[in-house]
Amino acid sequence: MTRRPLHHDAKDAEMTPEEMFDEAFDSAFKDRRNLISFLEGIDPSHVHWRPPDGEWSLHENLEHILLTDNYYARFIEKRLAEAAESGSWDTAPENPETMSREALRRREQGRVPAPDFLIPKGEGDFREMIAKLLPNREAVHQMMLPYRGTDMSRYTHEHFRYGDLNIYDRIVYSGTHDFLHQDQMTRVLQAPGYPGSG
């Protein structure tokens, strides 16, 4: 964990709230579309297969992503409502600690155990679940559009592992989460014994 300014570089420091909002969502939508393209190329016949090393199955990864989508949307909605009610958009500590966006995308950060309410139960049709991914991301974007002109760069909430993430960091991380699970699912497809590899 490193101490760094909430703005990510000199360029960010000069960005308007609208530009920071759009940049964050551009990143999140790019990762989401990449994930959808990846998933649409998977044969659903073997999505419940689990590799011997304990990784989740493809289905479990996707179910977890959707559970996280729902949690993330509720979290953002609550945080925006709290700030709008209080009129305060600055909750950052004097010296915020957070991982860089680049570090968050590296697998070297290690596995992060999911809380119980985000652990998949093997429910849902794989294709129907894929179809929910883009509407979920679009719904959060629509919910946040009224705040596009609000500077949320110092509106932070501490993440138990990643530090003082501001709202833009949270938006970007929603895409990073997709990226990391796509990487995990790629490992499943390449695992010895995967039934669709022959």
N, C-alpha and C. Protein backbone atom coordinates (compact mmCIF):
# COMPACT_ATOMS: atom_id res chain seq x y z
N MET A 1 0.85 -1.19 0.00
CA MET A 1 0.00 0.00 0.00
C MET A 1 0.89 1.23 0.00
N THR A 2 0.63 2.16 -0.89
CA THR A 2 1.44 3.37 -0.96
C THR A 2 0.56 4.59 -0.77
N ARG A 3 1.18 5.62 -0.20
CA ARG A 3 0.46 6.89 -0.09
C ARG A 3 0.57 7.61 -1.43
N ARG A 4 -0.53 8.12 -1.90
CA ARG A 4 -0.48 8.88 -3.15
C ARG A 4 -1.63 9.87 -3.15
N PRO A 5 -1.53 10.94 -3.93
CA PRO A 5 -2.66 11.86 -4.05
C PRO A 5 -3.84 11.14 -4.67
N LEU A 6 -5.03 11.63 -4.40
CA LEU A 6 -6.22 10.99 -4.96
C LEU A 6 -6.26 11.14 -6.47
N HIS A 7 -5.76 12.26 -7.00
CA HIS A 7 -5.62 12.35 -8.45
C HIS A 7 -4.43 11.49 -8.86
N HIS A 8 -4.52 10.85 -10.01
CA HIS A 8 -3.56 9.81 -10.35
C HIS A 8 -2.30 10.33 -11.02
N ASP A 9 -2.35 11.48 -11.67
CA ASP A 9 -1.15 12.09 -12.22
C ASP A 9 -1.48 13.54 -12.53
N ALA A 10 -0.50 14.25 -13.10
CA ALA A 10 -0.70 15.68 -13.35
C ALA A 10 -1.85 15.92 -14.30
N LYS A 11 -2.01 15.02 -15.26
CA LYS A 11 -3.11 15.15 -16.22
C LYS A 11 -4.46 15.07 -15.50
N ASP A 12 -4.59 14.10 -14.59
CA ASP A 12 -5.85 13.95 -13.86
C ASP A 12 -6.16 15.19 -13.03
N ALA A 13 -5.12 15.80 -12.46
CA ALA A 13 -5.33 16.95 -11.59
C ALA A 13 -5.96 18.11 -12.35
N GLU A 14 -5.80 18.12 -13.67
CA GLU A 14 -6.35 19.19 -14.48
C GLU A 14 -7.68 18.82 -15.11
N MET A 15 -8.16 17.62 -14.86
CA MET A 15 -9.40 17.18 -15.49
C MET A 15 -10.61 17.74 -14.76
N THR A 16 -11.66 17.99 -15.51
CA THR A 16 -12.92 18.43 -14.92
C THR A 16 -13.64 17.22 -14.33
N PRO A 17 -14.62 17.44 -13.45
CA PRO A 17 -15.40 16.30 -12.95
C PRO A 17 -16.02 15.48 -14.07
N GLU A 18 -16.51 16.16 -15.10
CA GLU A 18 -17.11 15.44 -16.23
C GLU A 18 -16.09 14.54 -16.92
N GLU A 19 -14.88 15.05 -17.09
CA GLU A 19 -13.83 14.25 -17.74
C GLU A 19 -13.42 13.06 -16.88
N MET A 20 -13.32 13.27 -15.57
CA MET A 20 -12.97 12.16 -14.67
C MET A 20 -14.06 11.10 -14.67
N PHE A 21 -15.31 11.54 -14.68
CA PHE A 21 -16.46 10.63 -14.72
C PHE A 21 -16.44 9.81 -16.00
N ASP A 22 -16.28 10.50 -17.13
CA ASP A 22 -16.30 9.81 -18.43
C ASP A 22 -15.12 8.86 -18.57
N GLU A 23 -13.94 9.28 -18.13
CA GLU A 23 -12.77 8.42 -18.22
C GLU A 23 -12.96 7.14 -17.40
N ALA A 24 -13.50 7.29 -16.20
CA ALA A 24 -13.71 6.13 -15.34
C ALA A 24 -14.70 5.16 -15.96
N PHE A 25 -15.80 5.68 -16.49
CA PHE A 25 -16.79 4.79 -17.09
C PHE A 25 -16.31 4.21 -18.42
N ASP A 26 -15.53 4.97 -19.18
CA ASP A 26 -14.95 4.41 -20.41
C ASP A 26 -14.13 3.16 -20.08
N SER A 27 -13.35 3.25 -19.02
CA SER A 27 -12.54 2.11 -18.58
C SER A 27 -13.41 0.94 -18.14
N ALA A 28 -14.44 1.24 -17.35
CA ALA A 28 -15.32 0.19 -16.83
C ALA A 28 -16.11 -0.48 -17.95
N PHE A 29 -16.58 0.30 -18.91
CA PHE A 29 -17.33 -0.28 -20.03
C PHE A 29 -16.41 -1.09 -20.94
N LYS A 30 -15.19 -0.64 -21.14
CA LYS A 30 -14.25 -1.39 -21.98
C LYS A 30 -13.99 -2.77 -21.38
N ASP A 31 -13.74 -2.83 -20.07
CA ASP A 31 -13.51 -4.12 -19.43
C ASP A 31 -14.75 -4.99 -19.47
N ARG A 32 -15.91 -4.39 -19.31
CA ARG A 32 -17.15 -5.18 -19.34
C ARG A 32 -17.40 -5.76 -20.73
N ARG A 33 -17.18 -4.96 -21.77
CA ARG A 33 -17.38 -5.46 -23.14
C ARG A 33 -16.37 -6.55 -23.48
N ASN A 34 -15.14 -6.39 -23.02
CA ASN A 34 -14.14 -7.44 -23.23
C ASN A 34 -14.56 -8.73 -22.55
N LEU A 35 -15.09 -8.62 -21.35
CA LEU A 35 -15.56 -9.80 -20.62
C LEU A 35 -16.69 -10.49 -21.36
N ILE A 36 -17.65 -9.71 -21.85
CA ILE A 36 -18.78 -10.28 -22.57
C ILE A 36 -18.31 -11.00 -23.82
N SER A 37 -17.42 -10.38 -24.58
CA SER A 37 -16.89 -11.01 -25.79
C SER A 37 -16.19 -12.32 -25.45
N PHE A 38 -15.43 -12.33 -24.38
CA PHE A 38 -14.75 -13.55 -23.92
C PHE A 38 -15.76 -14.64 -23.56
N LEU A 39 -16.78 -14.29 -22.79
CA LEU A 39 -17.75 -15.27 -22.33
C LEU A 39 -18.60 -15.83 -23.46
N GLU A 40 -18.90 -14.99 -24.44
CA GLU A 40 -19.73 -15.44 -25.57
C GLU A 40 -19.01 -16.48 -26.42
N GLY A 41 -17.70 -16.57 -26.29
CA GLY A 41 -16.94 -17.57 -27.03
C GLY A 41 -16.78 -18.89 -26.29
N ILE A 42 -17.40 -19.01 -25.13
CA ILE A 42 -17.25 -20.22 -24.31
C ILE A 42 -18.41 -21.18 -24.56
N ASP A 43 -18.09 -22.45 -24.74
CA ASP A 43 -19.10 -23.51 -24.86
C ASP A 43 -19.69 -23.74 -23.47
N PRO A 44 -21.02 -23.53 -23.31
CA PRO A 44 -21.62 -23.66 -21.98
C PRO A 44 -21.66 -25.09 -21.45
N SER A 45 -21.28 -26.08 -22.27
CA SER A 45 -21.39 -27.48 -21.86
C SER A 45 -20.56 -27.82 -20.63
N HIS A 46 -19.46 -27.10 -20.44
CA HIS A 46 -18.53 -27.49 -19.37
C HIS A 46 -18.32 -26.39 -18.34
N VAL A 47 -19.25 -25.45 -18.25
CA VAL A 47 -19.01 -24.28 -17.40
C VAL A 47 -19.05 -24.59 -15.91
N HIS A 48 -19.56 -25.77 -15.53
CA HIS A 48 -19.60 -26.13 -14.11
C HIS A 48 -18.37 -26.92 -13.67
N TRP A 49 -17.47 -27.21 -14.63
CA TRP A 49 -16.26 -27.97 -14.28
C TRP A 49 -15.32 -27.11 -13.43
N ARG A 50 -14.80 -27.73 -12.37
CA ARG A 50 -13.86 -27.04 -11.49
C ARG A 50 -12.46 -27.62 -11.65
N PRO A 51 -11.45 -26.77 -11.78
CA PRO A 51 -10.08 -27.28 -11.87
C PRO A 51 -9.63 -27.84 -10.52
N PRO A 52 -8.67 -28.75 -10.54
CA PRO A 52 -8.24 -29.41 -9.30
C PRO A 52 -7.52 -28.49 -8.32
N ASP A 53 -7.10 -27.30 -8.77
CA ASP A 53 -6.35 -26.41 -7.87
C ASP A 53 -7.25 -25.55 -6.99
N GLY A 54 -8.57 -25.75 -7.10
CA GLY A 54 -9.48 -25.02 -6.23
C GLY A 54 -10.06 -23.74 -6.81
N GLU A 55 -9.68 -23.39 -8.04
CA GLU A 55 -10.28 -22.22 -8.69
C GLU A 55 -11.78 -22.45 -8.87
N TRP A 56 -12.52 -21.36 -8.91
CA TRP A 56 -13.95 -21.47 -9.23
C TRP A 56 -14.14 -21.95 -10.66
N SER A 57 -15.30 -22.54 -10.91
CA SER A 57 -15.68 -22.88 -12.28
C SER A 57 -15.99 -21.60 -13.05
N LEU A 58 -16.14 -21.73 -14.37
CA LEU A 58 -16.53 -20.58 -15.20
C LEU A 58 -17.87 -20.03 -14.75
N HIS A 59 -18.81 -20.93 -14.47
CA HIS A 59 -20.15 -20.52 -14.03
C HIS A 59 -20.07 -19.78 -12.70
N GLU A 60 -19.27 -20.29 -11.78
CA GLU A 60 -19.15 -19.64 -10.47
C GLU A 60 -18.53 -18.25 -10.60
N ASN A 61 -17.54 -18.11 -11.47
CA ASN A 61 -16.96 -16.79 -11.70
C ASN A 61 -18.01 -15.81 -12.20
N LEU A 62 -18.80 -16.22 -13.17
CA LEU A 62 -19.81 -15.33 -13.73
C LEU A 62 -20.89 -15.01 -12.70
N GLU A 63 -21.32 -16.01 -11.95
CA GLU A 63 -22.33 -15.76 -10.92
C GLU A 63 -21.80 -14.77 -9.88
N HIS A 64 -20.55 -14.93 -9.50
CA HIS A 64 -19.93 -14.01 -8.54
C HIS A 64 -19.89 -12.59 -9.10
N ILE A 65 -19.57 -12.43 -10.37
CA ILE A 65 -19.54 -11.11 -10.99
C ILE A 65 -20.91 -10.44 -10.90
N LEU A 66 -21.97 -11.20 -11.16
CA LEU A 66 -23.31 -10.64 -11.09
C LEU A 66 -23.71 -10.30 -9.65
N LEU A 67 -23.34 -11.15 -8.70
CA LEU A 67 -23.60 -10.84 -7.29
C LEU A 67 -22.87 -9.56 -6.89
N THR A 68 -21.65 -9.41 -7.37
CA THR A 68 -20.86 -8.22 -7.07
C THR A 68 -21.48 -6.99 -7.72
N ASP A 69 -21.99 -7.14 -8.94
CA ASP A 69 -22.70 -6.04 -9.61
C ASP A 69 -23.81 -5.49 -8.72
N ASN A 70 -24.62 -6.39 -8.18
CA ASN A 70 -25.76 -5.98 -7.35
C ASN A 70 -25.29 -5.28 -6.09
N TYR A 71 -24.27 -5.83 -5.46
CA TYR A 71 -23.73 -5.21 -4.25
C TYR A 71 -23.14 -3.84 -4.56
N TYR A 72 -22.39 -3.75 -5.64
CA TYR A 72 -21.74 -2.50 -6.04
C TYR A 72 -22.78 -1.41 -6.33
N ALA A 73 -23.84 -1.76 -7.03
CA ALA A 73 -24.88 -0.78 -7.35
C ALA A 73 -25.54 -0.25 -6.08
N ARG A 74 -25.83 -1.14 -5.13
CA ARG A 74 -26.44 -0.70 -3.87
C ARG A 74 -25.47 0.18 -3.07
N PHE A 75 -24.19 -0.21 -3.08
CA PHE A 75 -23.17 0.56 -2.36
C PHE A 75 -23.07 1.98 -2.92
N ILE A 76 -22.95 2.09 -4.24
CA ILE A 76 -22.82 3.40 -4.88
C ILE A 76 -24.06 4.24 -4.63
N GLU A 77 -25.24 3.64 -4.78
CA GLU A 77 -26.49 4.37 -4.56
C GLU A 77 -26.55 4.94 -3.15
N LYS A 78 -26.16 4.13 -2.17
CA LYS A 78 -26.17 4.57 -0.77
C LYS A 78 -25.17 5.70 -0.54
N ARG A 79 -23.96 5.55 -1.07
CA ARG A 79 -22.94 6.57 -0.87
C ARG A 79 -23.32 7.91 -1.51
N LEU A 80 -23.91 7.87 -2.70
CA LEU A 80 -24.34 9.09 -3.37
C LEU A 80 -25.45 9.77 -2.59
N ALA A 81 -26.39 8.98 -2.09
CA ALA A 81 -27.50 9.53 -1.31
C ALA A 81 -26.99 10.19 -0.03
N GLU A 82 -26.02 9.57 0.62
CA GLU A 82 -25.45 10.14 1.85
C GLU A 82 -24.78 11.47 1.58
N ALA A 83 -24.02 11.55 0.49
CA ALA A 83 -23.32 12.79 0.16
C ALA A 83 -24.30 13.89 -0.24
N ALA A 84 -25.30 13.51 -1.03
CA ALA A 84 -26.29 14.49 -1.46
C ALA A 84 -27.06 15.05 -0.27
N GLU A 85 -27.36 14.19 0.70
CA GLU A 85 -28.11 14.63 1.88
C GLU A 85 -27.26 15.52 2.78
N SER A 86 -25.99 15.17 2.95
CA SER A 86 -25.12 15.93 3.85
C SER A 86 -24.52 17.16 3.17
N GLY A 87 -24.45 17.12 1.84
CA GLY A 87 -23.81 18.21 1.11
C GLY A 87 -22.30 18.15 1.14
N SER A 88 -21.75 17.08 1.68
CA SER A 88 -20.30 16.94 1.79
C SER A 88 -19.79 15.89 0.82
N TRP A 89 -18.90 16.32 -0.08
CA TRP A 89 -18.28 15.41 -1.05
C TRP A 89 -16.78 15.27 -0.77
N ASP A 90 -16.37 15.56 0.45
CA ASP A 90 -14.95 15.43 0.82
C ASP A 90 -14.86 14.63 2.11
N THR A 91 -14.55 13.36 1.98
CA THR A 91 -14.38 12.49 3.15
C THR A 91 -12.97 11.90 3.18
N ALA A 92 -12.09 12.42 2.35
CA ALA A 92 -10.74 11.86 2.24
C ALA A 92 -9.90 12.21 3.45
N PRO A 93 -9.11 11.26 3.95
CA PRO A 93 -8.17 11.58 5.02
C PRO A 93 -7.07 12.50 4.50
N GLU A 94 -6.31 13.06 5.42
CA GLU A 94 -5.25 14.01 5.03
C GLU A 94 -4.22 13.35 4.13
N ASN A 95 -3.85 12.13 4.46
CA ASN A 95 -2.87 11.39 3.65
C ASN A 95 -3.47 10.06 3.22
N PRO A 96 -4.28 10.08 2.17
CA PRO A 96 -4.95 8.85 1.76
C PRO A 96 -3.97 7.77 1.32
N GLU A 97 -4.28 6.54 1.67
CA GLU A 97 -3.48 5.40 1.24
C GLU A 97 -4.32 4.56 0.29
N THR A 98 -3.76 4.28 -0.86
CA THR A 98 -4.50 3.46 -1.82
C THR A 98 -3.53 2.84 -2.81
N MET A 99 -3.93 1.71 -3.37
CA MET A 99 -3.15 1.10 -4.44
C MET A 99 -3.42 1.84 -5.73
N SER A 100 -2.43 1.90 -6.60
CA SER A 100 -2.64 2.53 -7.90
C SER A 100 -3.58 1.66 -8.74
N ARG A 101 -4.19 2.27 -9.72
CA ARG A 101 -5.08 1.52 -10.61
C ARG A 101 -4.31 0.44 -11.36
N GLU A 102 -3.06 0.73 -11.68
CA GLU A 102 -2.23 -0.26 -12.38
C GLU A 102 -1.95 -1.46 -11.47
N ALA A 103 -1.65 -1.20 -10.21
CA ALA A 103 -1.37 -2.29 -9.27
C ALA A 103 -2.60 -3.16 -9.06
N LEU A 104 -3.77 -2.55 -9.06
CA LEU A 104 -5.00 -3.31 -8.86
C LEU A 104 -5.24 -4.32 -9.97
N ARG A 105 -4.69 -4.06 -11.15
CA ARG A 105 -4.90 -4.96 -12.28
C ARG A 105 -3.90 -6.12 -12.32
N ARG A 106 -2.92 -6.08 -11.45
CA ARG A 106 -1.91 -7.14 -11.45
C ARG A 106 -2.34 -8.28 -10.55
N ARG A 107 -2.20 -9.48 -11.05
CA ARG A 107 -2.60 -10.64 -10.27
C ARG A 107 -1.74 -10.79 -9.01
N GLU A 108 -0.56 -10.16 -9.01
CA GLU A 108 0.35 -10.31 -7.88
C GLU A 108 -0.24 -9.76 -6.58
N GLN A 109 -1.32 -9.00 -6.69
CA GLN A 109 -1.97 -8.53 -5.46
C GLN A 109 -2.47 -9.70 -4.63
N GLY A 110 -2.58 -10.86 -5.24
CA GLY A 110 -3.00 -12.06 -4.51
C GLY A 110 -4.50 -12.26 -4.53
N ARG A 111 -4.90 -13.46 -4.17
CA ARG A 111 -6.33 -13.76 -4.11
C ARG A 111 -6.99 -12.99 -2.98
N VAL A 112 -8.19 -12.54 -3.23
CA VAL A 112 -8.97 -11.85 -2.22
C VAL A 112 -10.19 -12.70 -1.93
N PRO A 113 -10.31 -13.26 -0.72
CA PRO A 113 -11.48 -14.09 -0.42
C PRO A 113 -12.76 -13.28 -0.53
N ALA A 114 -13.76 -13.84 -1.19
CA ALA A 114 -15.05 -13.16 -1.31
C ALA A 114 -15.82 -13.30 -0.01
N PRO A 115 -16.52 -12.24 0.41
CA PRO A 115 -17.40 -12.39 1.58
C PRO A 115 -18.52 -13.38 1.27
N ASP A 116 -19.10 -13.93 2.31
CA ASP A 116 -20.09 -15.00 2.15
C ASP A 116 -21.21 -14.62 1.18
N PHE A 117 -21.67 -13.36 1.24
CA PHE A 117 -22.82 -12.98 0.42
C PHE A 117 -22.46 -12.82 -1.06
N LEU A 118 -21.18 -12.92 -1.39
CA LEU A 118 -20.76 -12.86 -2.80
C LEU A 118 -20.22 -14.20 -3.30
N ILE A 119 -20.37 -15.24 -2.50
CA ILE A 119 -19.92 -16.56 -2.92
C ILE A 119 -21.00 -17.22 -3.77
N PRO A 120 -20.66 -17.68 -4.97
CA PRO A 120 -21.67 -18.27 -5.87
C PRO A 120 -22.21 -19.59 -5.35
N LYS A 121 -23.45 -19.87 -5.75
CA LYS A 121 -24.13 -21.09 -5.32
C LYS A 121 -24.44 -22.03 -6.48
N GLY A 122 -23.94 -21.71 -7.67
CA GLY A 122 -24.19 -22.56 -8.83
C GLY A 122 -25.56 -22.36 -9.45
N GLU A 123 -26.11 -21.17 -9.29
CA GLU A 123 -27.47 -20.89 -9.78
C GLU A 123 -27.42 -20.06 -11.06
N GLY A 124 -28.42 -20.25 -11.92
CA GLY A 124 -28.58 -19.42 -13.11
C GLY A 124 -28.10 -20.08 -14.39
N ASP A 125 -28.75 -19.69 -15.49
CA ASP A 125 -28.37 -20.16 -16.82
C ASP A 125 -27.21 -19.30 -17.34
N PHE A 126 -26.18 -19.94 -17.84
CA PHE A 126 -24.95 -19.24 -18.23
C PHE A 126 -25.22 -18.16 -19.27
N ARG A 127 -25.96 -18.49 -20.32
CA ARG A 127 -26.23 -17.52 -21.39
C ARG A 127 -27.10 -16.36 -20.88
N GLU A 128 -28.09 -16.68 -20.06
CA GLU A 128 -28.95 -15.63 -19.51
C GLU A 128 -28.15 -14.70 -18.58
N MET A 129 -27.20 -15.28 -17.88
CA MET A 129 -26.35 -14.47 -17.00
C MET A 129 -25.47 -13.51 -17.80
N ILE A 130 -24.93 -14.00 -18.91
CA ILE A 130 -24.12 -13.13 -19.77
C ILE A 130 -24.94 -11.93 -20.24
N ALA A 131 -26.21 -12.19 -20.57
CA ALA A 131 -27.08 -11.14 -21.10
C ALA A 131 -27.35 -10.03 -20.09
N LYS A 132 -27.11 -10.28 -18.82
CA LYS A 132 -27.35 -9.27 -17.78
C LYS A 132 -26.16 -8.33 -17.58
N LEU A 133 -25.02 -8.70 -18.11
CA LEU A 133 -23.79 -7.97 -17.78
C LEU A 133 -23.79 -6.52 -18.26
N LEU A 134 -24.11 -6.30 -19.53
CA LEU A 134 -24.08 -4.92 -20.04
C LEU A 134 -25.20 -4.07 -19.44
N PRO A 135 -26.45 -4.57 -19.35
CA PRO A 135 -27.48 -3.78 -18.69
C PRO A 135 -27.13 -3.40 -17.25
N ASN A 136 -26.47 -4.27 -16.53
CA ASN A 136 -26.06 -3.94 -15.16
C ASN A 136 -25.12 -2.75 -15.14
N ARG A 137 -24.12 -2.75 -16.02
CA ARG A 137 -23.16 -1.65 -16.06
C ARG A 137 -23.86 -0.37 -16.52
N GLU A 138 -24.74 -0.48 -17.50
CA GLU A 138 -25.47 0.69 -17.99
C GLU A 138 -26.37 1.28 -16.91
N ALA A 139 -26.95 0.43 -16.07
CA ALA A 139 -27.84 0.91 -15.01
C ALA A 139 -27.08 1.76 -13.99
N VAL A 140 -25.87 1.34 -13.65
CA VAL A 140 -25.06 2.12 -12.71
C VAL A 140 -24.67 3.46 -13.35
N HIS A 141 -24.33 3.43 -14.63
CA HIS A 141 -23.99 4.67 -15.34
C HIS A 141 -25.17 5.63 -15.33
N GLN A 142 -26.35 5.14 -15.62
CA GLN A 142 -27.54 5.99 -15.62
C GLN A 142 -27.82 6.55 -14.23
N MET A 143 -27.66 5.72 -13.21
CA MET A 143 -27.90 6.15 -11.83
C MET A 143 -26.95 7.28 -11.44
N MET A 144 -25.73 7.24 -11.96
CA MET A 144 -24.72 8.21 -11.57
C MET A 144 -24.67 9.45 -12.45
N LEU A 145 -25.34 9.43 -13.59
CA LEU A 145 -25.28 10.57 -14.52
C LEU A 145 -25.64 11.91 -13.87
N PRO A 146 -26.63 11.97 -12.97
CA PRO A 146 -26.94 13.26 -12.35
C PRO A 146 -25.76 13.86 -11.56
N TYR A 147 -24.77 13.04 -11.23
CA TYR A 147 -23.62 13.50 -10.45
C TYR A 147 -22.38 13.71 -11.33
N ARG A 148 -22.55 13.66 -12.64
CA ARG A 148 -21.40 13.75 -13.54
C ARG A 148 -20.62 15.04 -13.35
N GLY A 149 -21.30 16.13 -13.05
CA GLY A 149 -20.63 17.42 -12.87
C GLY A 149 -20.15 17.68 -11.45
N THR A 150 -20.32 16.71 -10.57
CA THR A 150 -19.89 16.85 -9.17
C THR A 150 -18.48 16.29 -9.01
N ASP A 151 -17.62 17.04 -8.36
CA ASP A 151 -16.25 16.55 -8.13
C ASP A 151 -16.28 15.52 -7.00
N MET A 152 -16.06 14.27 -7.36
CA MET A 152 -16.09 13.18 -6.38
C MET A 152 -14.69 12.61 -6.14
N SER A 153 -13.66 13.39 -6.49
CA SER A 153 -12.29 12.89 -6.38
C SER A 153 -11.83 12.78 -4.93
N ARG A 154 -12.48 13.48 -4.02
CA ARG A 154 -12.13 13.37 -2.60
C ARG A 154 -13.26 12.71 -1.79
N TYR A 155 -14.20 12.13 -2.49
CA TYR A 155 -15.27 11.41 -1.79
C TYR A 155 -14.84 9.95 -1.71
N THR A 156 -14.23 9.59 -0.59
CA THR A 156 -13.61 8.28 -0.45
C THR A 156 -14.35 7.41 0.56
N HIS A 157 -14.12 6.13 0.43
CA HIS A 157 -14.59 5.14 1.41
C HIS A 157 -13.53 4.07 1.46
N GLU A 158 -13.05 3.77 2.65
CA GLU A 158 -11.92 2.85 2.77
C GLU A 158 -12.32 1.43 2.40
N HIS A 159 -11.55 0.84 1.50
CA HIS A 159 -11.69 -0.57 1.16
C HIS A 159 -10.76 -1.36 2.07
N PHE A 160 -11.23 -2.49 2.58
CA PHE A 160 -10.45 -3.24 3.58
C PHE A 160 -9.08 -3.66 3.06
N ARG A 161 -8.92 -3.76 1.74
CA ARG A 161 -7.65 -4.21 1.18
C ARG A 161 -6.97 -3.15 0.32
N TYR A 162 -7.75 -2.34 -0.39
CA TYR A 162 -7.19 -1.46 -1.41
C TYR A 162 -7.05 -0.01 -0.97
N GLY A 163 -7.47 0.32 0.23
CA GLY A 163 -7.25 1.66 0.74
C GLY A 163 -8.40 2.61 0.48
N ASP A 164 -8.05 3.90 0.43
CA ASP A 164 -9.05 4.97 0.34
C ASP A 164 -9.45 5.22 -1.11
N LEU A 165 -10.36 4.43 -1.61
CA LEU A 165 -10.80 4.57 -3.00
C LEU A 165 -11.85 5.66 -3.10
N ASN A 166 -11.66 6.58 -4.06
CA ASN A 166 -12.71 7.56 -4.30
C ASN A 166 -13.74 6.97 -5.28
N ILE A 167 -14.76 7.75 -5.58
CA ILE A 167 -15.84 7.22 -6.42
C ILE A 167 -15.33 6.85 -7.81
N TYR A 168 -14.44 7.66 -8.37
CA TYR A 168 -13.91 7.33 -9.70
C TYR A 168 -13.09 6.04 -9.65
N ASP A 169 -12.32 5.86 -8.57
CA ASP A 169 -11.58 4.61 -8.39
C ASP A 169 -12.54 3.42 -8.35
N ARG A 170 -13.65 3.61 -7.66
CA ARG A 170 -14.64 2.52 -7.53
C ARG A 170 -15.22 2.16 -8.90
N ILE A 171 -15.49 3.17 -9.70
CA ILE A 171 -16.01 2.91 -11.05
C ILE A 171 -14.99 2.12 -11.85
N VAL A 172 -13.75 2.59 -11.84
CA VAL A 172 -12.68 1.90 -12.58
C VAL A 172 -12.51 0.48 -12.05
N TYR A 173 -12.57 0.32 -10.73
CA TYR A 173 -12.35 -1.01 -10.17
C TYR A 173 -13.47 -1.99 -10.54
N SER A 174 -14.66 -1.48 -10.81
CA SER A 174 -15.72 -2.40 -11.26
C SER A 174 -15.30 -3.08 -12.56
N GLY A 175 -14.56 -2.36 -13.40
CA GLY A 175 -14.01 -2.98 -14.61
C GLY A 175 -12.80 -3.84 -14.32
N THR A 176 -11.96 -3.40 -13.40
CA THR A 176 -10.80 -4.20 -13.01
C THR A 176 -11.24 -5.56 -12.47
N HIS A 177 -12.32 -5.57 -11.72
CA HIS A 177 -12.87 -6.82 -11.19
C HIS A 177 -13.24 -7.76 -12.34
N ASP A 178 -13.85 -7.22 -13.38
CA ASP A 178 -14.14 -8.02 -14.59
C ASP A 178 -12.85 -8.59 -15.17
N PHE A 179 -11.85 -7.73 -15.31
CA PHE A 179 -10.57 -8.11 -15.91
C PHE A 179 -9.92 -9.25 -15.13
N LEU A 180 -9.92 -9.14 -13.81
CA LEU A 180 -9.27 -10.16 -12.98
C LEU A 180 -10.00 -11.49 -13.06
N HIS A 181 -11.33 -11.45 -13.12
CA HIS A 181 -12.07 -12.71 -13.23
C HIS A 181 -11.99 -13.29 -14.63
N GLN A 182 -11.85 -12.45 -15.64
CA GLN A 182 -11.60 -12.98 -16.98
C GLN A 182 -10.26 -13.70 -17.00
N ASP A 183 -9.28 -13.14 -16.33
CA ASP A 183 -7.97 -13.79 -16.23
C ASP A 183 -8.09 -15.13 -15.49
N GLN A 184 -8.88 -15.14 -14.44
CA GLN A 184 -9.09 -16.38 -13.69
C GLN A 184 -9.78 -17.43 -14.56
N MET A 185 -10.78 -17.01 -15.34
CA MET A 185 -11.49 -17.95 -16.20
C MET A 185 -10.60 -18.46 -17.33
N THR A 186 -9.69 -17.62 -17.80
CA THR A 186 -8.72 -18.08 -18.81
C THR A 186 -7.87 -19.20 -18.24
N ARG A 187 -7.48 -19.07 -16.98
CA ARG A 187 -6.70 -20.13 -16.35
C ARG A 187 -7.51 -21.42 -16.24
N VAL A 188 -8.81 -21.29 -15.98
CA VAL A 188 -9.67 -22.48 -15.92
C VAL A 188 -9.70 -23.18 -17.28
N LEU A 189 -9.87 -22.40 -18.34
CA LEU A 189 -9.91 -22.98 -19.69
C LEU A 189 -8.60 -23.68 -20.05
N GLN A 190 -7.51 -23.21 -19.49
CA GLN A 190 -6.19 -23.77 -19.80
C GLN A 190 -5.74 -24.83 -18.80
N ALA A 191 -6.57 -25.09 -17.79
CA ALA A 191 -6.18 -26.03 -16.74
C ALA A 191 -6.14 -27.46 -17.26
N PRO A 192 -5.19 -28.26 -16.77
CA PRO A 192 -5.16 -29.68 -17.16
C PRO A 192 -6.47 -30.37 -16.80
N GLY A 193 -7.01 -31.09 -17.77
CA GLY A 193 -8.24 -31.82 -17.52
C GLY A 193 -9.51 -31.10 -17.90
N TYR A 194 -9.38 -29.83 -18.34
CA TYR A 194 -10.60 -29.12 -18.74
C TYR A 194 -11.26 -29.90 -19.87
N PRO A 195 -12.55 -30.28 -19.71
CA PRO A 195 -13.17 -31.20 -20.67
C PRO A 195 -13.35 -30.64 -22.07
N GLY A 196 -13.28 -29.33 -22.24
CA GLY A 196 -13.45 -28.77 -23.58
C GLY A 196 -12.15 -28.51 -24.30
N SER A 197 -11.03 -28.98 -23.76
CA SER A 197 -9.73 -28.65 -24.35
C SER A 197 -9.25 -29.67 -25.37
N GLY A 198 -9.97 -30.77 -25.49
CA GLY A 198 -9.49 -31.82 -26.38
C GLY A 198 -9.84 -31.64 -27.83
